[in-house]
Amino acid sequence: MVEKARSDNVGESVRNALWAYLSFFSTKVLNLLSIVVLAWYLEPAEFGTMAICLAIMGYFEIVSQFGMGAALVSTRDKVEETASAVLLCGLLFSGSLATLLWLTAGRIADWYGDPLLSSLLPVIALTLVMRATAVVNLNFLVRELRLKAKLVPDVLRGLTKGLVSILLAVLDFGVWSLVLGHLAGITVGAITTWIIRPWRPTRKPDLATFKYIAGFGAHLIGAQFINATPRLLDNLLIGKVLGATALGIYSVAFRIPALGIKSFTNVAGFVLHPVMSKIQSDPEALKSYFYGSLRYCAILMFGTGAGIAVLAEPLVHVLYPPKWYAMIVPMQILAIAFAAGTIDMVPGNLMKALGRTDLMFKISLINLPFFLVLIWLAVPYGITAVAFIQLVLAIIRLMSNYLFLKSRLDISGHRTFEALVPGAVCAAVASAMALIVQSALKTDSDLVLLFMMGAAFATAFLVSLRITAPEIFREIALRWMQKTGGA
């Protein structure tokens, strides 16, 4: 019975993950395509200025959300009361933080020595309020696992952002093209979410409801704030110490790994959290589901990270002008770091499903000194050194999460290791095959090299998957035949 329940839950997760990943992937593809086009019109320094804005906004968004969306997904009763409380608190927090950002924009601009920030930050702060207006609608879609419906606002958001940014860049708006495109995308996404999943407050929340979301969110926001430090503080420090041009190259180096890997954290969270919440009362089914999720995530993410790292050089040469070639090595390291870091998402969602956000906060608090010290020490040595520290921090997070789960939730080290092995083996074999093709192939065409290396990597990965995880290979093949047969 436990095994059947695990199979049903994993099957449900795979189906929903496909829709969730299609949603994120399509949005990120649109975003990447727009960035590639924009890279030919804008300078690295302009991307760097935008990266400073987004890093500051990243911290503000975490505080404004306060883990309330996750509280709505997790709650088992008083759903409407919780939704009303989430909307009310979200608007209050977002409005207050947007006002604070407007008031401090001038001082931030002085600290960075970039006068443009004093005008850009108040405009981009409007996205805080726009996100808050649709936070309940969005999390109802997640709670109900209507991830196919969520595809529509996600795609429209990405399409609007890209088209507006490109149009304004062509018209020589500079960094304003990035800011206004971002604001337009968020606005269209929020409006579409309201249309796809209408909702209005119907019940007044009581004090107990506010206490629930405050208690749930207090630890979660602390964990999110600390865990966001490696990807936000590095941008803030690079912009200050190394300048906007270095930050622009570093931020664009994130784009392709973020497309294939980093977004998967959010995608899987949309699926794993609600499914784990449903089976939280069955410890054995929950643990079996945890190991199964680790196995699938490791296969997908280790393979994606290795593929991006191996193909980075010809890929960048094909997509970007020479002024961006300095991002190749940082992008390779970041791809590996993201692949390792994504695995942390599975235990994180397990702790959220169990309501143990206090464990998430404690783990993050232990990791915080490592984050701060290592990033601070790395920045003066350049963006490649910072990328390498991201890999070190990903390993630290992975180990600390495992140790806490082992001691508090009876997670087996042996089964955890077994779950990670197939993904690691497939990624290593496929990478070796792609590098052999690169060394043997004599061509001056980066496009041909990219195609041949990619084909070698994909073939070797699938062959390795067939050997190391035949049941997963058969499931993928079966789903592919069903799709093609249905077409």
Protein backbone atom coordinates (compact mmCIF):
# COMPACT_ATOMS: atom_id res chain seq x y z
CA MET A 1 0.00 0.00 0.00
CA VAL A 2 2.81 2.39 0.88
CA GLU A 3 4.58 1.60 -2.38
CA LYS A 4 1.39 2.13 -4.39
CA ALA A 5 0.74 5.43 -2.61
CA ARG A 6 4.29 6.52 -3.34
CA SER A 7 3.88 5.55 -6.99
CA ASP A 8 0.59 7.44 -7.29
CA ASN A 9 2.03 10.51 -5.60
CA VAL A 10 5.18 10.48 -7.73
CA GLY A 11 3.06 10.04 -10.85
CA GLU A 12 0.90 13.00 -9.85
CA SER A 13 4.03 15.03 -9.20
CA VAL A 14 5.57 14.14 -12.55
CA ARG A 15 2.41 15.17 -14.40
CA ASN A 16 2.13 18.45 -12.56
CA ALA A 17 5.87 19.05 -12.73
CA LEU A 18 5.68 18.80 -16.52
CA TRP A 19 3.09 21.58 -16.62
CA ALA A 20 4.92 23.62 -14.02
CA TYR A 21 8.23 23.22 -15.80
CA LEU A 22 6.63 24.05 -19.15
CA SER A 23 5.26 27.19 -17.54
CA PHE A 24 8.62 28.26 -16.12
CA PHE A 25 10.60 27.02 -19.12
CA SER A 26 8.49 28.95 -21.62
CA THR A 27 8.76 32.09 -19.48
CA LYS A 28 12.51 31.70 -19.06
CA VAL A 29 13.01 30.96 -22.76
CA LEU A 30 11.21 34.19 -23.60
CA ASN A 31 13.33 35.97 -21.00
CA LEU A 32 16.55 34.44 -22.35
CA LEU A 33 15.68 35.30 -25.93
CA SER A 34 15.01 38.89 -24.95
CA ILE A 35 18.29 39.05 -23.00
CA VAL A 36 20.23 37.70 -26.00
CA VAL A 37 18.69 40.39 -28.22
CA LEU A 38 19.20 43.09 -25.59
CA ALA A 39 22.85 42.07 -25.15
CA TRP A 40 23.51 43.32 -28.67
CA TYR A 41 21.94 46.73 -27.92
CA LEU A 42 22.91 47.38 -24.29
CA GLU A 43 26.24 47.54 -22.51
CA PRO A 44 27.27 45.28 -19.61
CA ALA A 45 27.20 48.31 -17.28
CA GLU A 46 23.50 48.83 -18.00
CA PHE A 47 22.76 45.21 -17.14
CA GLY A 48 24.82 45.78 -14.00
CA THR A 49 22.69 48.71 -12.91
CA MET A 50 19.56 46.62 -13.43
CA ALA A 51 21.14 43.77 -11.44
CA ILE A 52 21.61 46.10 -8.47
CA CYS A 53 17.92 47.04 -8.66
CA LEU A 54 16.85 43.39 -8.81
CA ALA A 55 19.13 42.37 -5.94
CA ILE A 56 17.68 45.08 -3.70
CA MET A 57 14.18 44.14 -4.84
CA GLY A 58 14.93 40.48 -4.12
CA TYR A 59 15.30 41.18 -0.41
CA PHE A 60 12.26 43.46 -0.37
CA GLU A 61 10.12 40.83 -2.13
CA ILE A 62 11.02 38.18 0.43
CA VAL A 63 9.99 40.45 3.30
CA SER A 64 6.80 41.60 1.55
CA GLN A 65 5.66 38.01 0.91
CA PHE A 66 6.51 36.90 4.47
CA GLY A 67 5.96 33.25 3.57
CA MET A 68 2.22 33.92 3.40
CA GLY A 69 1.68 32.14 0.10
CA ALA A 70 3.20 28.95 1.50
CA ALA A 71 0.96 29.29 4.57
CA LEU A 72 -2.10 29.38 2.32
CA VAL A 73 -0.94 26.29 0.42
CA SER A 74 -0.25 24.37 3.64
CA THR A 75 -3.36 25.20 5.65
CA ARG A 76 -5.93 22.43 6.00
CA ASP A 77 -8.82 24.50 7.42
CA LYS A 78 -10.03 28.11 7.49
CA VAL A 79 -8.90 28.43 3.89
CA GLU A 80 -10.99 31.50 3.01
CA GLU A 81 -10.07 33.27 6.23
CA THR A 82 -6.39 32.55 5.57
CA ALA A 83 -6.70 33.87 2.01
CA SER A 84 -8.23 37.13 3.23
CA ALA A 85 -5.48 37.54 5.80
CA VAL A 86 -2.79 36.86 3.19
CA LEU A 87 -4.20 39.52 0.85
CA LEU A 88 -4.54 42.11 3.61
CA CYS A 89 -1.05 41.52 5.02
CA GLY A 90 0.48 41.32 1.56
CA LEU A 91 -0.88 44.71 0.51
CA LEU A 92 0.15 46.26 3.82
CA PHE A 93 3.71 44.91 3.73
CA SER A 94 4.21 45.62 0.03
CA GLY A 95 2.91 49.17 0.25
CA SER A 96 5.09 49.92 3.27
CA LEU A 97 8.22 48.47 1.68
CA ALA A 98 7.61 50.25 -1.64
CA THR A 99 7.32 53.53 0.26
CA LEU A 100 10.55 52.77 2.14
CA LEU A 101 12.35 52.09 -1.12
CA TRP A 102 11.10 55.36 -2.61
CA LEU A 103 12.39 57.25 0.42
CA THR A 104 15.83 55.61 0.45
CA ALA A 105 16.49 55.47 -3.31
CA GLY A 106 18.61 58.61 -3.26
CA ARG A 107 20.91 57.33 -0.53
CA ILE A 108 21.31 53.99 -2.27
CA ALA A 109 22.25 55.80 -5.48
CA ASP A 110 24.85 57.87 -3.60
CA TRP A 111 26.38 54.75 -2.04
CA TYR A 112 26.82 53.10 -5.44
CA GLY A 113 27.80 56.33 -7.15
CA ASP A 114 25.09 55.76 -9.78
CA PRO A 115 22.56 58.64 -9.98
CA LEU A 116 20.23 56.56 -12.18
CA LEU A 117 19.33 54.34 -9.23
CA SER A 118 17.49 57.21 -7.54
CA SER A 119 15.02 57.22 -10.47
CA LEU A 120 14.96 53.50 -11.27
CA LEU A 121 14.28 52.10 -7.79
CA PRO A 122 11.00 54.01 -7.12
CA VAL A 123 9.61 52.76 -10.43
CA ILE A 124 10.61 49.12 -10.00
CA ALA A 125 9.26 49.23 -6.41
CA LEU A 126 5.77 49.30 -7.91
CA THR A 127 6.17 45.61 -8.72
CA LEU A 128 5.92 44.84 -4.99
CA VAL A 129 2.34 46.11 -4.90
CA MET A 130 1.42 44.51 -8.22
CA ARG A 131 2.61 41.09 -7.03
CA ALA A 132 0.68 41.46 -3.77
CA THR A 133 -2.63 42.05 -5.56
CA ALA A 134 -2.49 38.56 -7.11
CA VAL A 135 -0.70 36.60 -4.36
CA VAL A 136 -3.86 34.78 -3.24
CA ASN A 137 -4.98 33.95 -6.78
CA LEU A 138 -1.53 32.59 -7.62
CA ASN A 139 -1.29 30.42 -4.53
CA PHE A 140 -4.79 29.05 -5.03
CA LEU A 141 -3.63 27.82 -8.45
CA VAL A 142 -0.65 26.17 -6.74
CA ARG A 143 -2.75 24.75 -3.90
CA GLU A 144 -5.22 23.29 -6.39
CA LEU A 145 -2.35 22.01 -8.58
CA ARG A 146 -3.83 23.86 -11.57
CA LEU A 147 -0.40 24.32 -13.04
CA LYS A 148 -1.66 24.00 -16.60
CA ALA A 149 -3.80 27.10 -16.02
CA LYS A 150 -0.85 28.89 -14.44
CA LEU A 151 0.99 28.57 -17.76
CA VAL A 152 -1.07 31.40 -19.28
CA PRO A 153 -0.10 34.28 -16.96
CA ASP A 154 3.49 33.04 -16.82
CA VAL A 155 3.86 33.08 -20.60
CA LEU A 156 2.13 36.43 -20.98
CA ARG A 157 4.34 37.92 -18.28
CA GLY A 158 7.51 36.74 -20.01
CA LEU A 159 6.30 37.75 -23.46
CA THR A 160 5.28 41.22 -22.32
CA LYS A 161 8.54 41.77 -20.46
CA GLY A 162 10.64 40.70 -23.43
CA LEU A 163 8.75 42.63 -26.10
CA VAL A 164 8.57 45.86 -24.12
CA SER A 165 12.26 45.67 -23.17
CA ILE A 166 13.40 44.98 -26.74
CA LEU A 167 11.22 47.72 -28.22
CA LEU A 168 12.52 50.31 -25.74
CA ALA A 169 16.13 49.16 -26.18
CA VAL A 170 15.84 49.59 -29.96
CA LEU A 171 14.47 53.08 -29.28
CA ASP A 172 17.62 53.78 -27.21
CA PHE A 173 16.03 53.85 -23.74
CA GLY A 174 19.10 52.14 -22.24
CA VAL A 175 18.66 50.63 -18.80
CA TRP A 176 15.11 52.02 -18.64
CA SER A 177 14.14 49.40 -21.22
CA LEU A 178 14.96 46.68 -18.66
CA VAL A 179 13.13 48.38 -15.78
CA LEU A 180 9.96 49.28 -17.69
CA GLY A 181 9.87 45.86 -19.35
CA HIS A 182 10.09 44.20 -15.93
CA LEU A 183 7.26 46.35 -14.55
CA ALA A 184 5.07 45.72 -17.61
CA GLY A 185 5.57 41.96 -17.35
CA ILE A 186 4.66 41.83 -13.65
CA THR A 187 1.56 43.95 -14.25
CA VAL A 188 0.26 41.80 -17.12
CA GLY A 189 1.02 38.62 -15.14
CA ALA A 190 -0.96 39.85 -12.11
CA ILE A 191 -3.97 40.90 -14.19
CA THR A 192 -4.01 37.59 -16.08
CA THR A 193 -3.77 35.60 -12.83
CA TRP A 194 -6.87 37.39 -11.56
CA ILE A 195 -8.70 36.48 -14.78
CA ILE A 196 -7.58 32.82 -14.74
CA ARG A 197 -8.35 32.26 -11.05
CA PRO A 198 -10.91 34.84 -9.85
CA TRP A 199 -11.18 35.32 -6.11
CA ARG A 200 -12.51 37.92 -3.72
CA PRO A 201 -12.52 38.01 0.09
CA THR A 202 -15.63 36.36 1.52
CA ARG A 203 -14.72 35.80 5.16
CA LYS A 204 -13.14 38.05 7.70
CA PRO A 205 -9.98 36.56 9.25
CA ASP A 206 -9.82 36.24 13.01
CA LEU A 207 -6.83 36.76 15.30
CA ALA A 208 -5.98 33.04 15.23
CA THR A 209 -5.64 33.16 11.44
CA PHE A 210 -3.24 36.09 11.59
CA LYS A 211 -1.25 34.25 14.26
CA TYR A 212 -1.08 31.17 12.03
CA ILE A 213 0.37 32.96 9.00
CA ALA A 214 2.67 35.00 11.25
CA GLY A 215 3.99 31.89 12.98
CA PHE A 216 4.34 29.99 9.72
CA GLY A 217 5.95 32.88 7.90
CA ALA A 218 8.27 34.15 10.63
CA HIS A 219 10.65 31.20 10.37
CA LEU A 220 10.17 30.75 6.63
CA ILE A 221 11.00 34.36 5.85
CA GLY A 222 14.12 34.11 7.97
CA ALA A 223 15.24 31.00 6.07
CA GLN A 224 14.41 32.55 2.69
CA PHE A 225 16.16 35.80 3.56
CA ILE A 226 19.35 34.01 4.56
CA ASN A 227 19.24 31.48 1.71
CA ALA A 228 18.81 34.32 -0.78
CA THR A 229 22.02 35.94 0.46
CA PRO A 230 24.40 34.02 -1.85
CA ARG A 231 22.47 35.09 -4.96
CA LEU A 232 21.66 38.66 -3.87
CA LEU A 233 24.52 39.81 -1.67
CA ASP A 234 27.06 38.81 -4.32
CA ASN A 235 25.36 41.16 -6.80
CA LEU A 236 25.30 44.03 -4.30
CA LEU A 237 28.97 43.60 -3.41
CA ILE A 238 30.17 43.07 -6.99
CA GLY A 239 28.36 46.24 -8.02
CA LYS A 240 30.01 48.17 -5.21
CA VAL A 241 33.53 46.71 -5.35
CA LEU A 242 34.03 45.68 -8.99
CA GLY A 243 31.63 48.06 -10.70
CA ALA A 244 28.55 47.85 -12.90
CA THR A 245 30.34 46.36 -15.93
CA ALA A 246 31.63 43.33 -13.98
CA LEU A 247 28.23 42.92 -12.37
CA GLY A 248 26.53 43.05 -15.76
CA ILE A 249 28.70 40.20 -17.07
CA TYR A 250 28.16 38.20 -13.87
CA SER A 251 24.38 38.72 -13.95
CA VAL A 252 24.08 37.63 -17.58
CA ALA A 253 26.21 34.56 -16.75
CA PHE A 254 23.30 33.55 -14.50
CA ARG A 255 20.75 33.59 -17.29
CA ILE A 256 21.26 30.23 -18.98
CA PRO A 257 21.80 28.27 -15.72
CA ALA A 258 18.73 30.03 -14.34
CA LEU A 259 16.72 28.94 -17.39
CA GLY A 260 17.51 25.25 -17.05
CA ILE A 261 18.26 24.87 -13.36
CA LYS A 262 17.44 27.66 -10.95
CA SER A 263 13.83 27.99 -12.09
CA PHE A 264 13.38 24.27 -11.37
CA THR A 265 13.55 25.08 -7.64
CA ASN A 266 10.39 27.16 -7.97
CA VAL A 267 8.76 24.67 -10.33
CA ALA A 268 9.33 21.67 -8.09
CA GLY A 269 8.26 23.67 -5.06
CA PHE A 270 4.90 24.32 -6.72
CA VAL A 271 4.46 20.55 -7.02
CA LEU A 272 6.28 19.02 -4.03
CA HIS A 273 4.90 21.32 -1.34
CA PRO A 274 1.17 20.71 -1.94
CA VAL A 275 1.66 16.97 -2.59
CA MET A 276 3.78 16.53 0.54
CA SER A 277 1.21 18.52 2.51
CA LYS A 278 -1.48 16.04 1.44
CA ILE A 279 0.45 13.01 2.73
CA GLN A 280 2.06 14.63 5.77
CA SER A 281 0.09 12.36 8.12
CA ASP A 282 1.64 9.19 6.62
CA PRO A 283 5.34 9.19 7.64
CA GLU A 284 6.34 6.13 5.60
CA ALA A 285 4.66 7.36 2.41
CA LEU A 286 6.18 10.80 2.97
CA LYS A 287 9.71 9.41 3.34
CA SER A 288 9.33 7.17 0.29
CA TYR A 289 8.09 10.14 -1.68
CA PHE A 290 11.06 12.18 -0.46
CA TYR A 291 13.60 9.65 -1.77
CA GLY A 292 11.73 9.30 -5.06
CA SER A 293 11.68 13.07 -5.51
CA LEU A 294 15.41 13.29 -4.79
CA ARG A 295 16.10 10.63 -7.41
CA TYR A 296 14.10 12.36 -10.14
CA CYS A 297 15.45 15.82 -9.28
CA ALA A 298 19.06 14.62 -9.23
CA ILE A 299 18.73 12.96 -12.65
CA LEU A 300 17.18 16.03 -14.20
CA MET A 301 19.26 18.71 -12.52
CA PHE A 302 22.68 17.03 -12.50
CA GLY A 303 22.23 16.35 -16.19
CA THR A 304 21.10 19.88 -16.96
CA GLY A 305 23.90 21.46 -14.93
CA ALA A 306 26.57 19.29 -16.51
CA GLY A 307 25.19 19.94 -19.98
CA ILE A 308 25.26 23.71 -19.53
CA ALA A 309 28.79 23.61 -18.09
CA VAL A 310 30.16 21.49 -20.93
CA LEU A 311 28.39 23.41 -23.71
CA ALA A 312 28.93 26.90 -22.26
CA GLU A 313 31.78 28.01 -24.54
CA PRO A 314 30.22 27.27 -27.96
CA LEU A 315 26.81 28.35 -26.65
CA VAL A 316 28.02 31.80 -25.58
CA HIS A 317 29.97 32.22 -28.81
CA VAL A 318 26.80 31.49 -30.81
CA LEU A 319 24.42 33.68 -28.82
CA TYR A 320 26.41 36.70 -27.63
CA PRO A 321 28.82 39.31 -29.05
CA PRO A 322 32.50 39.20 -27.94
CA LYS A 323 32.02 41.79 -25.18
CA TRP A 324 30.23 39.06 -23.19
CA TYR A 325 32.77 36.22 -23.56
CA ALA A 326 34.15 36.85 -20.06
CA MET A 327 31.04 35.18 -18.66
CA ILE A 328 31.89 31.70 -19.96
CA VAL A 329 33.91 30.37 -17.00
CA PRO A 330 31.62 31.90 -14.32
CA MET A 331 28.62 30.41 -16.14
CA GLN A 332 30.20 26.94 -16.12
CA ILE A 333 30.83 27.08 -12.39
CA LEU A 334 27.39 28.54 -11.64
CA ALA A 335 25.70 25.76 -13.62
CA ILE A 336 27.34 23.13 -11.40
CA ALA A 337 26.58 25.15 -8.27
CA PHE A 338 22.91 25.52 -9.21
CA ALA A 339 22.60 21.82 -9.96
CA ALA A 340 23.92 20.93 -6.50
CA GLY A 341 21.89 23.66 -4.82
CA THR A 342 18.62 22.61 -6.43
CA ILE A 343 18.69 19.34 -4.50
CA ASP A 344 18.22 21.40 -1.31
CA MET A 345 14.74 22.22 -2.55
CA VAL A 346 13.43 18.70 -1.79
CA PRO A 347 14.21 18.68 1.96
CA GLY A 348 13.08 22.30 2.15
CA ASN A 349 9.63 21.43 0.86
CA LEU A 350 9.48 18.42 3.18
CA MET A 351 10.06 20.69 6.17
CA LYS A 352 7.43 23.16 4.92
CA ALA A 353 4.89 20.39 4.43
CA LEU A 354 5.46 19.23 8.01
CA GLY A 355 5.15 22.78 9.29
CA ARG A 356 8.78 22.70 10.44
CA THR A 357 9.80 26.06 9.05
CA ASP A 358 11.63 26.53 12.35
CA LEU A 359 14.13 23.87 11.17
CA MET A 360 14.61 25.74 7.90
CA PHE A 361 15.36 28.90 9.82
CA LYS A 362 17.83 27.17 12.16
CA ILE A 363 19.71 25.60 9.26
CA SER A 364 19.86 28.93 7.45
CA LEU A 365 21.04 30.70 10.59
CA ILE A 366 23.90 28.22 10.98
CA ASN A 367 24.87 28.75 7.34
CA LEU A 368 24.71 32.55 7.45
CA PRO A 369 28.29 33.17 8.70
CA PHE A 370 29.66 31.01 5.87
CA PHE A 371 27.62 32.93 3.32
CA LEU A 372 28.70 36.36 4.53
CA VAL A 373 32.38 35.64 5.10
CA LEU A 374 33.05 33.61 1.96
CA ILE A 375 31.28 36.00 -0.41
CA TRP A 376 32.97 39.01 1.20
CA LEU A 377 36.39 37.39 0.80
CA ALA A 378 35.77 36.30 -2.80
CA VAL A 379 34.49 39.54 -4.37
CA PRO A 380 37.85 41.37 -4.64
CA TYR A 381 39.24 38.44 -6.68
CA GLY A 382 36.68 38.81 -9.46
CA ILE A 383 33.47 37.23 -10.69
CA THR A 384 35.01 33.79 -11.33
CA ALA A 385 36.02 33.58 -7.66
CA VAL A 386 32.50 34.57 -6.61
CA ALA A 387 31.03 31.88 -8.86
CA PHE A 388 33.31 29.28 -7.26
CA ILE A 389 32.14 30.36 -3.80
CA GLN A 390 28.57 29.80 -4.97
CA LEU A 391 29.51 26.17 -5.58
CA VAL A 392 31.09 25.89 -2.11
CA LEU A 393 27.97 27.41 -0.50
CA ALA A 394 25.70 25.01 -2.40
CA ILE A 395 27.62 22.06 -0.96
CA ILE A 396 27.45 23.56 2.54
CA ARG A 397 23.66 23.97 2.26
CA LEU A 398 23.27 20.43 0.95
CA MET A 399 25.25 18.91 3.81
CA SER A 400 23.59 20.97 6.53
CA ASN A 401 20.09 20.11 5.28
CA TYR A 402 20.94 16.43 5.22
CA LEU A 403 22.41 16.45 8.75
CA PHE A 404 19.33 18.16 10.18
CA LEU A 405 16.92 15.82 8.40
CA LYS A 406 18.91 12.79 9.54
CA SER A 407 18.80 13.85 13.19
CA ARG A 408 15.25 15.28 13.32
CA LEU A 409 13.18 13.43 10.71
CA ASP A 410 14.87 10.00 10.52
CA ILE A 411 16.10 10.40 6.93
CA SER A 412 18.49 7.63 5.90
CA GLY A 413 21.92 8.61 4.62
CA HIS A 414 22.24 5.40 2.62
CA ARG A 415 18.92 5.89 0.80
CA THR A 416 19.70 9.55 0.20
CA PHE A 417 23.02 8.62 -1.39
CA GLU A 418 21.34 5.92 -3.49
CA ALA A 419 18.86 8.49 -4.79
CA LEU A 420 21.64 10.82 -5.97
CA VAL A 421 23.88 8.21 -7.63
CA PRO A 422 22.05 7.70 -10.97
CA GLY A 423 21.96 11.44 -11.70
CA ALA A 424 25.65 11.88 -10.86
CA VAL A 425 26.75 8.89 -12.96
CA CYS A 426 24.68 9.91 -16.00
CA ALA A 427 25.97 13.50 -15.83
CA ALA A 428 29.61 12.40 -15.52
CA VAL A 429 29.45 9.92 -18.43
CA ALA A 430 27.61 12.37 -20.70
CA SER A 431 30.09 15.18 -19.91
CA ALA A 432 33.06 12.95 -20.71
CA MET A 433 31.54 11.97 -24.06
CA ALA A 434 30.84 15.61 -25.01
CA LEU A 435 34.41 16.63 -24.14
CA ILE A 436 35.80 13.75 -26.25
CA VAL A 437 33.77 15.00 -29.22
CA GLN A 438 35.03 18.56 -28.62
CA SER A 439 38.67 17.46 -28.66
CA ALA A 440 38.22 15.21 -31.72
CA LEU A 441 36.11 17.52 -33.87
CA LYS A 442 38.07 19.96 -36.02
CA THR A 443 35.78 22.80 -37.03
CA ASP A 444 35.75 26.59 -36.96
CA SER A 445 31.97 26.69 -36.62
CA ASP A 446 30.75 27.15 -33.05
CA LEU A 447 27.24 26.23 -34.15
CA VAL A 448 28.38 22.86 -35.54
CA LEU A 449 30.47 22.24 -32.42
CA LEU A 450 27.50 23.07 -30.19
CA PHE A 451 25.22 20.71 -32.10
CA MET A 452 27.66 17.79 -32.15
CA MET A 453 28.61 18.14 -28.48
CA GLY A 454 24.96 18.47 -27.49
CA ALA A 455 24.02 15.36 -29.46
CA ALA A 456 26.86 13.38 -27.88
CA PHE A 457 25.90 14.55 -24.40
CA ALA A 458 22.21 13.70 -24.82
CA THR A 459 22.91 10.26 -26.30
CA ALA A 460 25.40 9.31 -23.60
CA PHE A 461 23.07 10.57 -20.88
CA LEU A 462 20.12 8.50 -22.10
CA VAL A 463 22.25 5.37 -22.50
CA SER A 464 23.59 5.83 -18.96
CA LEU A 465 20.07 6.41 -17.66
CA ARG A 466 18.93 3.18 -19.32
CA ILE A 467 21.63 1.30 -17.38
CA THR A 468 21.55 3.06 -13.99
CA ALA A 469 17.81 3.76 -13.68
CA PRO A 470 15.93 1.52 -16.14
CA GLU A 471 12.55 2.12 -14.49
CA ILE A 472 12.83 5.88 -15.02
CA PHE A 473 14.04 5.39 -18.59
CA ARG A 474 11.03 3.14 -19.30
CA GLU A 475 8.66 5.70 -17.80
CA ILE A 476 10.13 8.48 -19.95
CA ALA A 477 9.95 6.29 -23.06
CA LEU A 478 6.35 5.28 -22.28
CA ARG A 479 5.24 8.88 -21.78
CA TRP A 480 7.00 9.89 -25.01
CA MET A 481 5.26 7.12 -26.97
CA GLN A 482 1.91 8.08 -25.46
CA LYS A 483 2.42 11.69 -26.49
CA THR A 484 3.57 10.89 -30.01
CA GLY A 485 0.95 8.21 -30.42
CA GLY A 486 -1.76 10.59 -29.28
CA ALA A 487 -0.51 13.20 -31.74
